[in-house]
Amino acid sequence: MRDETEALPVSRHALYEDALAIAMATLFVAVGIAFYEKAMLVTGGTAGLGLLIHHATGLGFWLVFSLVNLPFYALATWRMGWRFAARTFLAVTLVSLYARWLPDWVGFARLDPVFATILGGGLMGNGLLMLFRHRTALGGINVLAMFLQERLGWRAGYVQLGLDMIILTAAFFVLNPAGIALSILGAVVVNLILAINHRPGRYLGMS
């Protein structure tokens, strides 16, 4: 049976739609990271790498996240074009700024680790989904996952899940067993959101 979406025209996002989506999506991600930072958890991607270094050294996440993403802007430009790279740079910068400002905006008197895992993962997953649908990534692993989906048809969520497992393995040297287990659960939450909702041809908006 012919897919009905094949006959539909592709609708391109306006510039203001991209701007609003990136601003809101990065806030979702930053709030999710704040949950994970407080609960001593990590996630995947360069955000997970930033959290891991933060937990191990005490350096501010916002600073670490900005620095670890620097090498990937060249990859984004080469593989996906300068417009994509510029949006990615903007998204990373916004997440870093939000992460720096959030302690002044909100605090946690009590935070259940399981709740933090699920809600934080859900916020990050939906934030990443919004960014993907506006042709924006949030660091090197997102860039690689989106590139492989566009070129090879591999689902971005599954690609990212495999790479995230490598980062989570490194967390065994920093977190306690409960933190490791919850971090793995959080990675599953994030990547299931992407795998279920971010498929080629399912969403017709483009930037």
Protein backbone atom coordinates (compact mmCIF):
# COMPACT_ATOMS: atom_id res chain seq x y z
CA MET A 1 0.00 0.00 0.00
CA ARG A 2 1.29 3.46 -0.87
CA ASP A 3 2.29 5.58 2.08
CA GLU A 4 -0.04 8.59 2.18
CA THR A 5 2.82 10.85 3.24
CA GLU A 6 4.52 10.33 -0.13
CA ALA A 7 1.99 12.57 -1.81
CA LEU A 8 2.24 15.36 0.73
CA PRO A 9 4.47 18.38 0.06
CA VAL A 10 7.39 18.97 2.40
CA SER A 11 6.81 21.98 4.64
CA ARG A 12 9.92 23.98 5.48
CA HIS A 13 10.33 25.66 8.84
CA ALA A 14 10.45 29.42 8.91
CA LEU A 15 13.43 31.09 10.58
CA TYR A 16 11.38 32.15 13.60
CA GLU A 17 10.12 28.56 13.99
CA ASP A 18 13.69 27.29 14.08
CA ALA A 19 14.65 29.96 16.61
CA LEU A 20 11.73 29.24 18.94
CA ALA A 21 12.23 25.48 18.71
CA ILE A 22 15.95 25.70 19.46
CA ALA A 23 15.40 28.06 22.39
CA MET A 24 12.76 25.81 23.97
CA ALA A 25 14.43 22.49 23.14
CA THR A 26 17.74 23.53 24.69
CA LEU A 27 15.91 24.65 27.84
CA PHE A 28 14.30 21.20 28.08
CA VAL A 29 17.71 19.58 27.73
CA ALA A 30 19.31 21.90 30.30
CA VAL A 31 16.59 21.20 32.87
CA GLY A 32 16.99 17.46 32.28
CA ILE A 33 20.72 17.82 32.80
CA ALA A 34 20.08 19.73 36.04
CA PHE A 35 18.10 16.71 37.30
CA TYR A 36 20.98 14.39 36.40
CA GLU A 37 23.58 16.70 37.88
CA LYS A 38 21.75 16.82 41.22
CA ALA A 39 21.05 13.06 41.29
CA MET A 40 24.67 12.14 40.38
CA LEU A 41 23.74 10.50 37.08
CA VAL A 42 25.15 10.63 33.58
CA THR A 43 23.56 10.42 30.18
CA GLY A 44 24.88 9.77 26.70
CA GLY A 45 26.40 12.03 24.08
CA THR A 46 28.68 14.92 24.78
CA ALA A 47 26.25 15.99 27.52
CA GLY A 48 26.97 12.69 29.24
CA LEU A 49 30.69 13.19 28.77
CA GLY A 50 30.34 16.66 30.28
CA LEU A 51 28.42 15.29 33.27
CA LEU A 52 31.00 12.53 33.75
CA ILE A 53 33.87 15.03 33.84
CA HIS A 54 31.83 17.31 36.11
CA HIS A 55 31.18 14.50 38.61
CA ALA A 56 34.82 13.38 38.50
CA THR A 57 36.49 16.79 38.79
CA GLY A 58 33.93 19.27 40.14
CA LEU A 59 34.36 21.54 37.13
CA GLY A 60 31.18 23.34 36.08
CA PHE A 61 29.14 21.34 33.57
CA TRP A 62 28.47 24.41 31.48
CA LEU A 63 32.18 24.99 30.93
CA VAL A 64 33.06 21.35 30.28
CA PHE A 65 30.18 20.91 27.85
CA SER A 66 31.28 23.94 25.83
CA LEU A 67 34.87 22.68 25.62
CA VAL A 68 34.21 19.04 24.72
CA ASN A 69 32.04 20.11 21.78
CA LEU A 70 34.67 22.32 20.15
CA PRO A 71 36.25 19.55 17.99
CA PHE A 72 32.89 18.51 16.54
CA TYR A 73 31.96 21.77 14.84
CA ALA A 74 34.34 20.99 11.98
CA LEU A 75 32.66 17.58 11.53
CA ALA A 76 29.24 19.20 11.54
CA THR A 77 30.32 21.72 8.89
CA TRP A 78 31.98 19.09 6.70
CA ARG A 79 29.23 16.47 6.88
CA MET A 80 26.04 18.51 7.27
CA GLY A 81 26.86 22.03 6.03
CA TRP A 82 27.60 25.34 7.68
CA ARG A 83 23.95 26.15 8.40
CA PHE A 84 23.57 22.94 10.38
CA ALA A 85 26.88 23.61 12.16
CA ALA A 86 25.77 27.14 13.05
CA ARG A 87 22.50 25.87 14.53
CA THR A 88 24.40 23.22 16.46
CA PHE A 89 26.83 25.80 17.83
CA LEU A 90 23.85 27.92 18.90
CA ALA A 91 22.17 24.95 20.61
CA VAL A 92 25.33 23.96 22.50
CA THR A 93 25.87 27.55 23.58
CA LEU A 94 22.29 27.88 24.82
CA VAL A 95 22.46 24.64 26.81
CA SER A 96 25.73 25.83 28.39
CA LEU A 97 24.22 29.20 29.29
CA TYR A 98 21.01 27.68 30.65
CA ALA A 99 23.07 25.22 32.73
CA ARG A 100 25.05 28.14 34.13
CA TRP A 101 21.90 30.14 34.98
CA LEU A 102 19.57 27.39 36.20
CA PRO A 103 20.99 27.24 39.77
CA ASP A 104 19.88 30.86 40.11
CA TRP A 105 16.40 30.02 38.85
CA VAL A 106 15.52 26.74 40.57
CA GLY A 107 16.78 24.47 43.35
CA PHE A 108 15.98 20.99 44.64
CA ALA A 109 15.17 20.51 48.33
CA ARG A 110 14.47 16.83 47.63
CA LEU A 111 14.85 14.87 44.40
CA ASP A 112 14.03 11.18 44.12
CA PRO A 113 16.69 9.54 41.88
CA VAL A 114 14.21 7.38 39.95
CA PHE A 115 11.95 10.38 39.30
CA ALA A 116 15.01 12.39 38.21
CA THR A 117 16.02 9.59 35.85
CA ILE A 118 12.67 9.31 34.11
CA LEU A 119 11.65 12.96 33.98
CA GLY A 120 15.16 14.19 33.23
CA GLY A 121 15.56 11.59 30.48
CA GLY A 122 12.15 12.47 29.08
CA LEU A 123 13.00 16.17 28.96
CA MET A 124 16.33 15.51 27.26
CA GLY A 125 14.80 13.05 24.79
CA ASN A 126 12.04 15.42 23.75
CA GLY A 127 14.47 18.33 23.57
CA LEU A 128 16.75 16.33 21.28
CA LEU A 129 13.75 15.27 19.18
CA MET A 130 12.80 18.92 18.66
CA LEU A 131 16.36 19.78 17.71
CA PHE A 132 16.62 16.87 15.25
CA ARG A 133 13.39 17.94 13.57
CA HIS A 134 14.89 21.38 13.05
CA ARG A 135 18.14 19.95 11.66
CA THR A 136 20.10 20.82 14.77
CA ALA A 137 22.30 18.61 16.94
CA LEU A 138 23.69 18.90 20.42
CA GLY A 139 27.27 17.81 19.95
CA GLY A 140 29.40 15.27 18.17
CA ILE A 141 27.46 12.07 18.81
CA ASN A 142 24.21 13.70 17.69
CA VAL A 143 25.95 14.85 14.51
CA LEU A 144 27.19 11.33 13.80
CA ALA A 145 23.78 9.76 14.55
CA MET A 146 21.95 12.19 12.27
CA PHE A 147 24.52 11.73 9.49
CA LEU A 148 24.20 7.94 9.59
CA GLN A 149 20.41 8.16 9.53
CA GLU A 150 20.39 10.48 6.52
CA ARG A 151 23.04 8.56 4.56
CA LEU A 152 22.46 4.93 5.59
CA GLY A 153 18.92 4.95 6.98
CA TRP A 154 20.05 3.80 10.44
CA ARG A 155 17.73 5.13 13.11
CA ALA A 156 19.42 7.94 14.99
CA GLY A 157 18.13 6.71 18.33
CA TYR A 158 19.65 3.24 17.96
CA VAL A 159 22.97 4.61 16.71
CA GLN A 160 23.17 6.99 19.63
CA LEU A 161 22.18 4.26 22.09
CA GLY A 162 25.17 2.15 21.08
CA LEU A 163 27.59 5.05 21.37
CA ASP A 164 26.07 6.12 24.65
CA MET A 165 26.77 2.71 26.13
CA ILE A 166 30.48 3.38 25.67
CA ILE A 167 30.21 6.59 27.69
CA LEU A 168 28.13 4.89 30.36
CA THR A 169 30.75 2.15 30.67
CA ALA A 170 33.29 4.81 31.63
CA ALA A 171 30.90 5.93 34.38
CA PHE A 172 31.69 2.72 36.29
CA PHE A 173 34.87 4.47 37.43
CA VAL A 174 32.98 7.50 38.80
CA LEU A 175 29.46 6.56 39.95
CA ASN A 176 28.13 4.03 42.44
CA PRO A 177 26.23 0.94 41.18
CA ALA A 178 22.81 2.52 41.74
CA GLY A 179 23.87 5.60 39.77
CA ILE A 180 25.11 3.39 36.94
CA ALA A 181 21.84 1.43 36.79
CA LEU A 182 19.73 4.57 36.76
CA SER A 183 21.98 6.22 34.17
CA ILE A 184 21.48 3.22 31.87
CA LEU A 185 17.71 3.46 32.39
CA GLY A 186 17.88 7.17 31.56
CA ALA A 187 19.79 6.47 28.35
CA VAL A 188 17.12 3.97 27.33
CA VAL A 189 14.39 6.56 28.00
CA VAL A 190 16.15 9.22 25.90
CA ASN A 191 16.90 6.94 22.98
CA LEU A 192 13.52 5.20 22.90
CA ILE A 193 11.92 8.62 22.48
CA LEU A 194 14.21 9.25 19.50
CA ALA A 195 13.88 5.77 18.00
CA ILE A 196 10.09 5.77 18.16
CA ASN A 197 9.52 9.34 17.00
CA HIS A 198 12.45 10.24 14.74
CA ARG A 199 12.17 8.07 11.64
CA PRO A 200 12.91 8.97 8.00
CA GLY A 201 9.75 10.20 6.30
CA ARG A 202 7.63 10.38 9.44
CA TYR A 203 8.09 14.10 10.00
CA LEU A 204 7.84 16.30 6.92
CA GLY A 205 9.00 19.65 8.30
CA MET A 206 12.45 20.79 7.19
CA SER A 207 14.83 23.63 7.99
